[in-house]
Amino acid sequence: MTAVLGGFAALAVVIAVGWLTGRTGALGPDAAGVLSRLSYYVATPALLLLTLADADPAALLSAALVATGGSALLVAAVYVVLARWWWRLRPAQLATGALASAYVNAGNLGVPIAVYVLGDASYVAPVLLFQVLVMAPLGLSVLAGSHDGTGPAPSRWKVLSQPVRTPVVLGCALGLLLAETGLELPSVVLRPVELLAALAVPAALLAFGTSLHGAPRPASGDGGGQVWLAVVLKNLAQPLLAYVLGRWVVDLSGVPLLAVTITSALPTAQNVFVYATSYDRGTELARDVVLLTTVLSVPVLVGVAVALG
């Protein structure tokens, strides 16, 4: 309980600082965009490089992945089908909505909650690796290769080569290369990478907070239905599916079952807002879903911990 509330409190404080800078105009009118691009193009690739360099890729093939990864893919697919059928959204908006429905805050909240609630940070590894190695590259490829109809469509080569030109994917690839080969970065390279990586989370949170100033009430615009669809899928459907898959498909019980349910009940990660802002695709949707799922996930996480703990 303390870990859940403490993790949310830390996020809230940094987001509040971002909102204050937006209100005062201390960082200028384009602060949210600049901070988002800083996190996306510079800091997040460095963070993922360091994270995966020390990770065990074998964790991606654990039984828990069936529950966490399976539930994420299912809710993302449900969002795409329903949003495409009901609102006729373009691929980029569908990609942002799908990520908002399924991409959990495994780094900022997942690690401390895993340590204090589950007793072991390694429980977050499968979902963290799955997101950075599978979900992020897929979603970013759609976002970067999308065409909004206002200019020339991207060439086929540009679309096909997009994954290897995406900063986040390049950071993941370099991290996996280091993990597989056992190579270690020399200190003269490691230290500046660590400094850049330390910017990723605060820059994303500050960008999110800055964007809240002057923003309309969440889900109040024309895209309110899309927002609430993503919120329901994220806060309710994903943890429920993870529990069902964990218990009856891969036969998990006890703490491992609690772990996959807790990690799937985490709110939408700020990364989704950063991705959407960087490509100007579904920014308002991502912002509203991050805010609403973060607030609503508190009772969900506490309820899961009480029911299964």
C-alpha atoms as a PDB file:
ATOM      1  CA  MET A   1       0.000   0.000   0.000  1.00  0.00           C
ATOM      2  CA  THR A   2       2.742   2.434   0.996  1.00  0.00           C
ATOM      3  CA  ALA A   3       4.714   1.674  -2.168  1.00  0.00           C
ATOM      4  CA  VAL A   4       1.694   2.290  -4.381  1.00  0.00           C
ATOM      5  CA  LEU A   5       0.841   5.621  -2.764  1.00  0.00           C
ATOM      6  CA  GLY A   6       4.493   6.693  -2.547  1.00  0.00           C
ATOM      7  CA  GLY A   7       5.106   5.984  -6.205  1.00  0.00           C
ATOM      8  CA  PHE A   8       2.055   7.971  -7.243  1.00  0.00           C
ATOM      9  CA  ALA A   9       3.018  10.841  -4.936  1.00  0.00           C
ATOM     10  CA  ALA A  10       6.448  11.166  -6.550  1.00  0.00           C
ATOM     11  CA  LEU A  11       4.901  11.260 -10.017  1.00  0.00           C
ATOM     12  CA  ALA A  12       2.298  13.801  -8.935  1.00  0.00           C
ATOM     13  CA  VAL A  13       4.902  16.186  -7.531  1.00  0.00           C
ATOM     14  CA  VAL A  14       6.987  16.258 -10.720  1.00  0.00           C
ATOM     15  CA  ILE A  15       3.886  16.595 -12.900  1.00  0.00           C
ATOM     16  CA  ALA A  16       2.729  19.470 -10.678  1.00  0.00           C
ATOM     17  CA  VAL A  17       6.077  21.200 -11.190  1.00  0.00           C
ATOM     18  CA  GLY A  18       5.578  20.834 -14.927  1.00  0.00           C
ATOM     19  CA  TRP A  19       2.098  22.315 -14.678  1.00  0.00           C
ATOM     20  CA  LEU A  20       3.507  25.245 -12.679  1.00  0.00           C
ATOM     21  CA  THR A  21       6.152  25.958 -15.320  1.00  0.00           C
ATOM     22  CA  GLY A  22       3.433  25.869 -17.963  1.00  0.00           C
ATOM     23  CA  ARG A  23       1.268  28.253 -15.976  1.00  0.00           C
ATOM     24  CA  THR A  24       4.099  30.733 -15.369  1.00  0.00           C
ATOM     25  CA  GLY A  25       5.505  30.412 -18.882  1.00  0.00           C
ATOM     26  CA  ALA A  26       8.999  30.028 -17.422  1.00  0.00           C
ATOM     27  CA  LEU A  27      10.091  27.647 -20.180  1.00  0.00           C
ATOM     28  CA  GLY A  28       8.323  29.341 -23.061  1.00  0.00           C
ATOM     29  CA  PRO A  29       5.236  28.427 -25.095  1.00  0.00           C
ATOM     30  CA  ASP A  30       6.800  25.354 -26.722  1.00  0.00           C
ATOM     31  CA  ALA A  31       8.096  23.785 -23.501  1.00  0.00           C
ATOM     32  CA  ALA A  32       5.961  20.633 -23.672  1.00  0.00           C
ATOM     33  CA  GLY A  33       7.091  19.842 -27.213  1.00  0.00           C
ATOM     34  CA  VAL A  34      10.752  20.558 -26.512  1.00  0.00           C
ATOM     35  CA  LEU A  35      10.770  18.451 -23.346  1.00  0.00           C
ATOM     36  CA  SER A  36       8.986  15.606 -25.134  1.00  0.00           C
ATOM     37  CA  ARG A  37      11.470  15.639 -28.009  1.00  0.00           C
ATOM     38  CA  LEU A  38      14.361  15.791 -25.536  1.00  0.00           C
ATOM     39  CA  SER A  39      13.034  12.713 -23.770  1.00  0.00           C
ATOM     40  CA  TYR A  40      12.215  10.845 -26.984  1.00  0.00           C
ATOM     41  CA  TYR A  41      15.229  11.578 -29.160  1.00  0.00           C
ATOM     42  CA  VAL A  42      17.987  11.834 -26.541  1.00  0.00           C
ATOM     43  CA  ALA A  43      17.210  10.577 -23.039  1.00  0.00           C
ATOM     44  CA  THR A  44      14.896   7.604 -23.547  1.00  0.00           C
ATOM     45  CA  PRO A  45      17.198   5.799 -26.028  1.00  0.00           C
ATOM     46  CA  ALA A  46      20.041   6.188 -23.506  1.00  0.00           C
ATOM     47  CA  LEU A  47      17.847   4.835 -20.702  1.00  0.00           C
ATOM     48  CA  LEU A  48      16.732   1.825 -22.744  1.00  0.00           C
ATOM     49  CA  LEU A  49      20.308   1.114 -23.782  1.00  0.00           C
ATOM     50  CA  LEU A  50      21.380   0.921 -20.127  1.00  0.00           C
ATOM     51  CA  THR A  51      18.278  -1.020 -19.075  1.00  0.00           C
ATOM     52  CA  LEU A  52      18.629  -3.727 -21.698  1.00  0.00           C
ATOM     53  CA  ALA A  53      22.418  -3.926 -21.384  1.00  0.00           C
ATOM     54  CA  ASP A  54      21.915  -5.275 -17.853  1.00  0.00           C
ATOM     55  CA  ALA A  55      18.804  -7.337 -18.629  1.00  0.00           C
ATOM     56  CA  ASP A  56      18.421 -11.022 -19.328  1.00  0.00           C
ATOM     57  CA  PRO A  57      16.666 -11.432 -22.699  1.00  0.00           C
ATOM     58  CA  ALA A  58      15.578 -14.894 -21.546  1.00  0.00           C
ATOM     59  CA  ALA A  59      13.102 -13.139 -19.239  1.00  0.00           C
ATOM     60  CA  LEU A  60      11.113 -12.315 -22.350  1.00  0.00           C
ATOM     61  CA  LEU A  61      10.295 -16.008 -22.731  1.00  0.00           C
ATOM     62  CA  SER A  62       9.018 -16.586 -19.183  1.00  0.00           C
ATOM     63  CA  ALA A  63       5.555 -17.965 -18.446  1.00  0.00           C
ATOM     64  CA  ALA A  64       4.545 -14.589 -17.036  1.00  0.00           C
ATOM     65  CA  LEU A  65       4.933 -13.104 -20.508  1.00  0.00           C
ATOM     66  CA  VAL A  66       1.933 -15.091 -21.717  1.00  0.00           C
ATOM     67  CA  ALA A  67      -0.203 -13.220 -19.210  1.00  0.00           C
ATOM     68  CA  THR A  68       1.355  -9.746 -19.371  1.00  0.00           C
ATOM     69  CA  GLY A  69       2.205  -9.653 -23.065  1.00  0.00           C
ATOM     70  CA  GLY A  70      -0.923 -11.546 -24.060  1.00  0.00           C
ATOM     71  CA  SER A  71      -3.235  -9.205 -22.167  1.00  0.00           C
ATOM     72  CA  ALA A  72      -1.476  -6.170 -23.650  1.00  0.00           C
ATOM     73  CA  LEU A  73      -1.816  -7.431 -27.214  1.00  0.00           C
ATOM     74  CA  LEU A  74      -5.445  -8.389 -26.688  1.00  0.00           C
ATOM     75  CA  VAL A  75      -6.570  -5.014 -25.322  1.00  0.00           C
ATOM     76  CA  ALA A  76      -4.569  -3.195 -28.019  1.00  0.00           C
ATOM     77  CA  ALA A  77      -6.280  -5.307 -30.670  1.00  0.00           C
ATOM     78  CA  VAL A  78      -9.707  -4.667 -29.132  1.00  0.00           C
ATOM     79  CA  TYR A  79      -9.056  -0.918 -29.195  1.00  0.00           C
ATOM     80  CA  VAL A  80      -7.961  -0.997 -32.837  1.00  0.00           C
ATOM     81  CA  VAL A  81     -11.003  -3.010 -33.932  1.00  0.00           C
ATOM     82  CA  LEU A  82     -13.566  -0.960 -31.999  1.00  0.00           C
ATOM     83  CA  ALA A  83     -12.044   2.450 -32.732  1.00  0.00           C
ATOM     84  CA  ARG A  84     -11.637   1.656 -36.424  1.00  0.00           C
ATOM     85  CA  TRP A  85     -15.192   0.371 -36.683  1.00  0.00           C
ATOM     86  CA  TRP A  86     -16.847   3.142 -34.673  1.00  0.00           C
ATOM     87  CA  TRP A  87     -14.782   6.269 -35.420  1.00  0.00           C
ATOM     88  CA  ARG A  88     -12.968   5.342 -38.661  1.00  0.00           C
ATOM     89  CA  LEU A  89      -9.653   6.533 -37.232  1.00  0.00           C
ATOM     90  CA  ARG A  90      -6.448   6.681 -39.246  1.00  0.00           C
ATOM     91  CA  PRO A  91      -3.608   4.225 -38.458  1.00  0.00           C
ATOM     92  CA  ALA A  92      -1.610   6.793 -36.470  1.00  0.00           C
ATOM     93  CA  GLN A  93      -4.526   7.583 -34.151  1.00  0.00           C
ATOM     94  CA  LEU A  94      -5.227   3.875 -33.806  1.00  0.00           C
ATOM     95  CA  ALA A  95      -1.583   3.270 -32.878  1.00  0.00           C
ATOM     96  CA  THR A  96      -1.641   5.956 -30.188  1.00  0.00           C
ATOM     97  CA  GLY A  97      -4.909   4.652 -28.776  1.00  0.00           C
ATOM     98  CA  ALA A  98      -3.688   1.058 -28.803  1.00  0.00           C
ATOM     99  CA  LEU A  99      -0.494   2.020 -26.955  1.00  0.00           C
ATOM    100  CA  ALA A 100      -2.487   4.117 -24.481  1.00  0.00           C
ATOM    101  CA  SER A 101      -4.723   1.103 -23.806  1.00  0.00           C
ATOM    102  CA  ALA A 102      -1.928  -1.372 -23.174  1.00  0.00           C
ATOM    103  CA  TYR A 103       1.485   0.255 -22.508  1.00  0.00           C
ATOM    104  CA  VAL A 104       1.960   0.152 -18.730  1.00  0.00           C
ATOM    105  CA  ASN A 105       4.096   2.402 -16.547  1.00  0.00           C
ATOM    106  CA  ALA A 106       6.550  -0.383 -15.757  1.00  0.00           C
ATOM    107  CA  GLY A 107       9.550   1.868 -15.122  1.00  0.00           C
ATOM    108  CA  ASN A 108       8.321   4.733 -12.948  1.00  0.00           C
ATOM    109  CA  LEU A 109       5.734   2.788 -10.955  1.00  0.00           C
ATOM    110  CA  GLY A 110       6.340  -0.853 -11.802  1.00  0.00           C
ATOM    111  CA  VAL A 111       9.790  -1.194 -10.258  1.00  0.00           C
ATOM    112  CA  PRO A 112       9.040   0.379  -6.846  1.00  0.00           C
ATOM    113  CA  ILE A 113       5.709  -1.439  -6.583  1.00  0.00           C
ATOM    114  CA  ALA A 114       7.382  -4.743  -7.501  1.00  0.00           C
ATOM    115  CA  VAL A 115      10.025  -4.192  -4.823  1.00  0.00           C
ATOM    116  CA  TYR A 116       7.722  -3.186  -1.984  1.00  0.00           C
ATOM    117  CA  VAL A 117       4.570  -5.131  -2.804  1.00  0.00           C
ATOM    118  CA  LEU A 118       5.992  -8.234  -4.475  1.00  0.00           C
ATOM    119  CA  GLY A 119       9.461  -8.241  -2.906  1.00  0.00           C
ATOM    120  CA  ASP A 120      11.356  -8.615  -6.173  1.00  0.00           C
ATOM    121  CA  ALA A 121      11.922  -6.099  -8.984  1.00  0.00           C
ATOM    122  CA  SER A 122      12.493  -8.907 -11.493  1.00  0.00           C
ATOM    123  CA  TYR A 123       8.733  -9.427 -11.776  1.00  0.00           C
ATOM    124  CA  VAL A 124       8.623  -6.297 -13.943  1.00  0.00           C
ATOM    125  CA  ALA A 125      11.274  -7.558 -16.363  1.00  0.00           C
ATOM    126  CA  PRO A 126       9.016  -9.550 -18.744  1.00  0.00           C
ATOM    127  CA  VAL A 127       6.545  -6.721 -19.371  1.00  0.00           C
ATOM    128  CA  LEU A 128       9.316  -4.115 -19.535  1.00  0.00           C
ATOM    129  CA  LEU A 129      11.272  -6.061 -22.125  1.00  0.00           C
ATOM    130  CA  PHE A 130       8.140  -6.927 -24.095  1.00  0.00           C
ATOM    131  CA  GLN A 131       7.131  -3.282 -24.307  1.00  0.00           C
ATOM    132  CA  VAL A 132      10.489  -1.904 -25.392  1.00  0.00           C
ATOM    133  CA  LEU A 133      11.265  -4.759 -27.782  1.00  0.00           C
ATOM    134  CA  VAL A 134       7.846  -5.416 -29.317  1.00  0.00           C
ATOM    135  CA  MET A 135       5.141  -2.865 -28.555  1.00  0.00           C
ATOM    136  CA  ALA A 136       7.178   0.342 -28.852  1.00  0.00           C
ATOM    137  CA  PRO A 137       8.835  -0.542 -32.184  1.00  0.00           C
ATOM    138  CA  LEU A 138       5.514  -1.600 -33.704  1.00  0.00           C
ATOM    139  CA  GLY A 139       3.652   1.465 -32.506  1.00  0.00           C
ATOM    140  CA  LEU A 140       6.428   3.885 -33.436  1.00  0.00           C
ATOM    141  CA  SER A 141       6.742   2.389 -36.904  1.00  0.00           C
ATOM    142  CA  VAL A 142       3.076   3.158 -37.529  1.00  0.00           C
ATOM    143  CA  LEU A 143       3.340   6.652 -36.040  1.00  0.00           C
ATOM    144  CA  ALA A 144       6.475   7.579 -37.954  1.00  0.00           C
ATOM    145  CA  GLY A 145       5.312   6.083 -41.239  1.00  0.00           C
ATOM    146  CA  SER A 146       1.787   7.470 -41.100  1.00  0.00           C
ATOM    147  CA  HIS A 147       0.399   9.906 -43.627  1.00  0.00           C
ATOM    148  CA  ASP A 148      -2.127  12.518 -42.537  1.00  0.00           C
ATOM    149  CA  GLY A 149      -3.184  13.441 -46.050  1.00  0.00           C
ATOM    150  CA  THR A 150      -1.766  16.978 -45.946  1.00  0.00           C
ATOM    151  CA  GLY A 151       1.484  16.255 -47.754  1.00  0.00           C
ATOM    152  CA  PRO A 152       3.208  13.683 -49.933  1.00  0.00           C
ATOM    153  CA  ALA A 153       2.910  10.133 -48.681  1.00  0.00           C
ATOM    154  CA  PRO A 154       6.136   8.563 -47.389  1.00  0.00           C
ATOM    155  CA  SER A 155       7.938   6.239 -49.757  1.00  0.00           C
ATOM    156  CA  ARG A 156       7.731   2.491 -49.272  1.00  0.00           C
ATOM    157  CA  TRP A 157      11.431   2.373 -48.387  1.00  0.00           C
ATOM    158  CA  LYS A 158      10.941   5.051 -45.733  1.00  0.00           C
ATOM    159  CA  VAL A 159       8.101   3.095 -44.169  1.00  0.00           C
ATOM    160  CA  LEU A 160       9.942  -0.251 -44.242  1.00  0.00           C
ATOM    161  CA  SER A 161      13.176   1.203 -42.861  1.00  0.00           C
ATOM    162  CA  GLN A 162      11.445   3.234 -40.148  1.00  0.00           C
ATOM    163  CA  PRO A 163      12.102   0.750 -37.295  1.00  0.00           C
ATOM    164  CA  VAL A 164      15.887   0.951 -37.746  1.00  0.00           C
ATOM    165  CA  ARG A 165      15.739   4.757 -37.873  1.00  0.00           C
ATOM    166  CA  THR A 166      13.717   5.212 -34.675  1.00  0.00           C
ATOM    167  CA  PRO A 167      15.788   6.440 -31.689  1.00  0.00           C
ATOM    168  CA  VAL A 168      14.019   4.207 -29.163  1.00  0.00           C
ATOM    169  CA  VAL A 169      14.518   1.106 -31.306  1.00  0.00           C
ATOM    170  CA  LEU A 170      18.190   1.946 -31.861  1.00  0.00           C
ATOM    171  CA  GLY A 171      18.690   2.305 -28.106  1.00  0.00           C
ATOM    172  CA  CYS A 172      17.060  -1.089 -27.554  1.00  0.00           C
ATOM    173  CA  ALA A 173      19.178  -2.700 -30.273  1.00  0.00           C
ATOM    174  CA  LEU A 174      22.429  -1.391 -28.815  1.00  0.00           C
ATOM    175  CA  GLY A 175      21.393  -2.488 -25.319  1.00  0.00           C
ATOM    176  CA  LEU A 176      20.578  -6.006 -26.512  1.00  0.00           C
ATOM    177  CA  LEU A 177      23.870  -6.175 -28.381  1.00  0.00           C
ATOM    178  CA  LEU A 178      25.738  -5.363 -25.175  1.00  0.00           C
ATOM    179  CA  ALA A 179      23.677  -7.895 -23.208  1.00  0.00           C
ATOM    180  CA  GLU A 180      24.235 -10.703 -25.697  1.00  0.00           C
ATOM    181  CA  THR A 181      27.958 -10.087 -26.179  1.00  0.00           C
ATOM    182  CA  GLY A 182      28.752  -9.300 -22.542  1.00  0.00           C
ATOM    183  CA  LEU A 183      30.590  -6.158 -23.577  1.00  0.00           C
ATOM    184  CA  GLU A 184      30.722  -3.256 -21.146  1.00  0.00           C
ATOM    185  CA  LEU A 185      30.860   0.385 -22.091  1.00  0.00           C
ATOM    186  CA  PRO A 186      34.075   2.143 -21.023  1.00  0.00           C
ATOM    187  CA  SER A 187      33.527   4.687 -18.265  1.00  0.00           C
ATOM    188  CA  VAL A 188      34.292   7.570 -20.611  1.00  0.00           C
ATOM    189  CA  VAL A 189      31.222   6.524 -22.636  1.00  0.00           C
ATOM    190  CA  LEU A 190      29.087   5.113 -19.823  1.00  0.00           C
ATOM    191  CA  ARG A 191      29.018   8.239 -17.663  1.00  0.00           C
ATOM    192  CA  PRO A 192      27.593  10.636 -20.258  1.00  0.00           C
ATOM    193  CA  VAL A 193      25.072   7.968 -21.293  1.00  0.00           C
ATOM    194  CA  GLU A 194      23.997   7.660 -17.651  1.00  0.00           C
ATOM    195  CA  LEU A 195      23.616  11.428 -17.387  1.00  0.00           C
ATOM    196  CA  LEU A 196      21.432  11.508 -20.495  1.00  0.00           C
ATOM    197  CA  ALA A 197      19.394   8.515 -19.307  1.00  0.00           C
ATOM    198  CA  ALA A 198      18.645  10.272 -16.023  1.00  0.00           C
ATOM    199  CA  LEU A 199      16.768  12.938 -18.001  1.00  0.00           C
ATOM    200  CA  ALA A 200      14.248  10.545 -19.536  1.00  0.00           C
ATOM    201  CA  VAL A 201      11.708  10.165 -16.745  1.00  0.00           C
ATOM    202  CA  PRO A 202      11.720  13.734 -15.344  1.00  0.00           C
ATOM    203  CA  ALA A 203      11.641  15.262 -18.836  1.00  0.00           C
ATOM    204  CA  ALA A 204       8.636  13.122 -19.793  1.00  0.00           C
ATOM    205  CA  LEU A 205       6.811  13.957 -16.554  1.00  0.00           C
ATOM    206  CA  LEU A 206       7.569  17.673 -16.863  1.00  0.00           C
ATOM    207  CA  ALA A 207       6.381  17.658 -20.481  1.00  0.00           C
ATOM    208  CA  PHE A 208       3.167  15.958 -19.428  1.00  0.00           C
ATOM    209  CA  GLY A 209       2.601  18.415 -16.580  1.00  0.00           C
ATOM    210  CA  THR A 210       3.311  21.407 -18.809  1.00  0.00           C
ATOM    211  CA  SER A 211       0.774  20.174 -21.362  1.00  0.00           C
ATOM    212  CA  LEU A 212      -1.954  20.103 -18.691  1.00  0.00           C
ATOM    213  CA  HIS A 213      -1.943  23.875 -18.262  1.00  0.00           C
ATOM    214  CA  GLY A 214      -4.783  25.347 -20.244  1.00  0.00           C
ATOM    215  CA  ALA A 215      -5.924  21.925 -21.425  1.00  0.00           C
ATOM    216  CA  PRO A 216      -9.670  21.202 -21.404  1.00  0.00           C
ATOM    217  CA  ARG A 217     -11.198  18.786 -18.929  1.00  0.00           C
ATOM    218  CA  PRO A 218     -10.069  15.235 -19.807  1.00  0.00           C
ATOM    219  CA  ALA A 219     -12.311  13.405 -22.288  1.00  0.00           C
ATOM    220  CA  SER A 220     -14.474  16.504 -22.772  1.00  0.00           C
ATOM    221  CA  GLY A 221     -13.873  16.981 -26.500  1.00  0.00           C
ATOM    222  CA  ASP A 222     -14.978  15.123 -29.595  1.00  0.00           C
ATOM    223  CA  GLY A 223     -12.540  12.310 -28.794  1.00  0.00           C
ATOM    224  CA  GLY A 224     -14.045  11.618 -25.366  1.00  0.00           C
ATOM    225  CA  GLY A 225     -15.363   8.231 -26.418  1.00  0.00           C
ATOM    226  CA  GLN A 226     -11.937   7.153 -27.644  1.00  0.00           C
ATOM    227  CA  VAL A 227     -10.402   8.259 -24.355  1.00  0.00           C
ATOM    228  CA  TRP A 228     -12.873   6.342 -22.210  1.00  0.00           C
ATOM    229  CA  LEU A 229     -12.540   3.240 -24.369  1.00  0.00           C
ATOM    230  CA  ALA A 230      -8.767   3.269 -23.747  1.00  0.00           C
ATOM    231  CA  VAL A 231      -9.250   3.959 -20.020  1.00  0.00           C
ATOM    232  CA  VAL A 232     -11.666   1.074 -19.529  1.00  0.00           C
ATOM    233  CA  LEU A 233      -9.424  -1.294 -21.451  1.00  0.00           C
ATOM    234  CA  LYS A 234      -6.348  -0.197 -19.499  1.00  0.00           C
ATOM    235  CA  ASN A 235      -7.720  -0.007 -15.970  1.00  0.00           C
ATOM    236  CA  LEU A 236     -10.147  -2.924 -16.063  1.00  0.00           C
ATOM    237  CA  ALA A 237      -9.787  -5.218 -19.071  1.00  0.00           C
ATOM    238  CA  GLN A 238      -6.007  -5.585 -19.102  1.00  0.00           C
ATOM    239  CA  PRO A 239      -5.542  -6.704 -15.462  1.00  0.00           C
ATOM    240  CA  LEU A 240      -8.572  -8.984 -15.737  1.00  0.00           C
ATOM    241  CA  LEU A 241      -7.214 -10.621 -18.885  1.00  0.00           C
ATOM    242  CA  ALA A 242      -3.772 -10.961 -17.297  1.00  0.00           C
ATOM    243  CA  TYR A 243      -5.334 -12.737 -14.309  1.00  0.00           C
ATOM    244  CA  VAL A 244      -7.340 -15.085 -16.528  1.00  0.00           C
ATOM    245  CA  LEU A 245      -4.364 -15.915 -18.752  1.00  0.00           C
ATOM    246  CA  GLY A 246      -2.055 -16.318 -15.777  1.00  0.00           C
ATOM    247  CA  ARG A 247      -4.333 -18.550 -13.766  1.00  0.00           C
ATOM    248  CA  TRP A 248      -5.950 -20.736 -16.399  1.00  0.00           C
ATOM    249  CA  VAL A 249      -3.536 -20.696 -19.343  1.00  0.00           C
ATOM    250  CA  VAL A 250      -0.065 -20.874 -17.760  1.00  0.00           C
ATOM    251  CA  ASP A 251      -1.255 -22.091 -14.330  1.00  0.00           C
ATOM    252  CA  LEU A 252       0.258 -19.358 -12.174  1.00  0.00           C
ATOM    253  CA  SER A 253      -0.681 -18.961  -8.533  1.00  0.00           C
ATOM    254  CA  GLY A 254       0.389 -17.081  -5.437  1.00  0.00           C
ATOM    255  CA  VAL A 255       2.878 -14.240  -5.861  1.00  0.00           C
ATOM    256  CA  PRO A 256       3.577 -14.879  -9.594  1.00  0.00           C
ATOM    257  CA  LEU A 257      -0.154 -14.557 -10.338  1.00  0.00           C
ATOM    258  CA  LEU A 258      -0.356 -11.417  -8.210  1.00  0.00           C
ATOM    259  CA  ALA A 259       2.689 -10.047 -10.049  1.00  0.00           C
ATOM    260  CA  VAL A 260       1.239 -10.372 -13.559  1.00  0.00           C
ATOM    261  CA  THR A 261      -2.074  -8.890 -12.422  1.00  0.00           C
ATOM    262  CA  ILE A 262      -0.430  -5.973 -10.603  1.00  0.00           C
ATOM    263  CA  THR A 263       1.896  -5.117 -13.479  1.00  0.00           C
ATOM    264  CA  SER A 264      -0.978  -5.237 -15.973  1.00  0.00           C
ATOM    265  CA  ALA A 265      -3.044  -2.949 -13.728  1.00  0.00           C
ATOM    266  CA  LEU A 266      -0.399  -0.202 -13.830  1.00  0.00           C
ATOM    267  CA  PRO A 267      -1.546   3.024 -15.544  1.00  0.00           C
ATOM    268  CA  THR A 268      -0.563   4.114 -19.031  1.00  0.00           C
ATOM    269  CA  ALA A 269       3.088   5.162 -19.229  1.00  0.00           C
ATOM    270  CA  GLN A 270       4.077   8.752 -19.968  1.00  0.00           C
ATOM    271  CA  ASN A 271       6.117   7.295 -22.848  1.00  0.00           C
ATOM    272  CA  VAL A 272       2.911   7.096 -24.872  1.00  0.00           C
ATOM    273  CA  PHE A 273       2.374  10.842 -24.495  1.00  0.00           C
ATOM    274  CA  VAL A 274       5.995  11.469 -25.486  1.00  0.00           C
ATOM    275  CA  TYR A 275       5.639   9.266 -28.574  1.00  0.00           C
ATOM    276  CA  ALA A 276       2.381  10.925 -29.608  1.00  0.00           C
ATOM    277  CA  THR A 277       3.782  14.419 -29.099  1.00  0.00           C
ATOM    278  CA  SER A 278       6.957  13.649 -31.012  1.00  0.00           C
ATOM    279  CA  TYR A 279       4.949  12.706 -34.115  1.00  0.00           C
ATOM    280  CA  ASP A 280       1.938  14.974 -33.399  1.00  0.00           C
ATOM    281  CA  ARG A 281      -0.446  12.042 -33.608  1.00  0.00           C
ATOM    282  CA  GLY A 282      -3.198  11.691 -31.001  1.00  0.00           C
ATOM    283  CA  THR A 283      -1.484  13.936 -28.440  1.00  0.00           C
ATOM    284  CA  GLU A 284      -4.684  14.937 -26.632  1.00  0.00           C
ATOM    285  CA  LEU A 285      -5.851  11.336 -26.494  1.00  0.00           C
ATOM    286  CA  ALA A 286      -2.562  10.193 -24.974  1.00  0.00           C
ATOM    287  CA  ARG A 287      -2.518  13.048 -22.447  1.00  0.00           C
ATOM    288  CA  ASP A 288      -6.060  12.390 -21.236  1.00  0.00           C
ATOM    289  CA  VAL A 289      -5.615   8.620 -21.008  1.00  0.00           C
ATOM    290  CA  VAL A 290      -2.363   8.949 -19.056  1.00  0.00           C
ATOM    291  CA  LEU A 291      -4.010  11.320 -16.584  1.00  0.00           C
ATOM    292  CA  LEU A 292      -7.223   9.351 -16.102  1.00  0.00           C
ATOM    293  CA  THR A 293      -5.615   5.907 -15.888  1.00  0.00           C
ATOM    294  CA  THR A 294      -3.067   7.194 -13.382  1.00  0.00           C
ATOM    295  CA  VAL A 295      -5.799   8.493 -11.080  1.00  0.00           C
ATOM    296  CA  LEU A 296      -8.121   5.510 -11.507  1.00  0.00           C
ATOM    297  CA  SER A 297      -5.391   2.892 -11.171  1.00  0.00           C
ATOM    298  CA  VAL A 298      -4.897   3.685  -7.467  1.00  0.00           C
ATOM    299  CA  PRO A 299      -8.066   1.908  -6.280  1.00  0.00           C
ATOM    300  CA  VAL A 300      -7.535  -0.838  -8.870  1.00  0.00           C
ATOM    301  CA  LEU A 301      -3.972  -1.567  -7.669  1.00  0.00           C
ATOM    302  CA  VAL A 302      -5.003  -1.474  -4.014  1.00  0.00           C
ATOM    303  CA  GLY A 303      -7.951  -3.751  -4.751  1.00  0.00           C
ATOM    304  CA  VAL A 304      -5.798  -6.279  -6.600  1.00  0.00           C
ATOM    305  CA  ALA A 305      -3.208  -6.283  -3.806  1.00  0.00           C
ATOM    306  CA  VAL A 306      -5.901  -6.858  -1.171  1.00  0.00           C
ATOM    307  CA  ALA A 307      -7.767  -9.522  -3.152  1.00  0.00           C
ATOM    308  CA  LEU A 308      -4.745 -11.555  -4.271  1.00  0.00           C
ATOM    309  CA  GLY A 309      -2.075 -10.610  -1.720  1.00  0.00           C
END
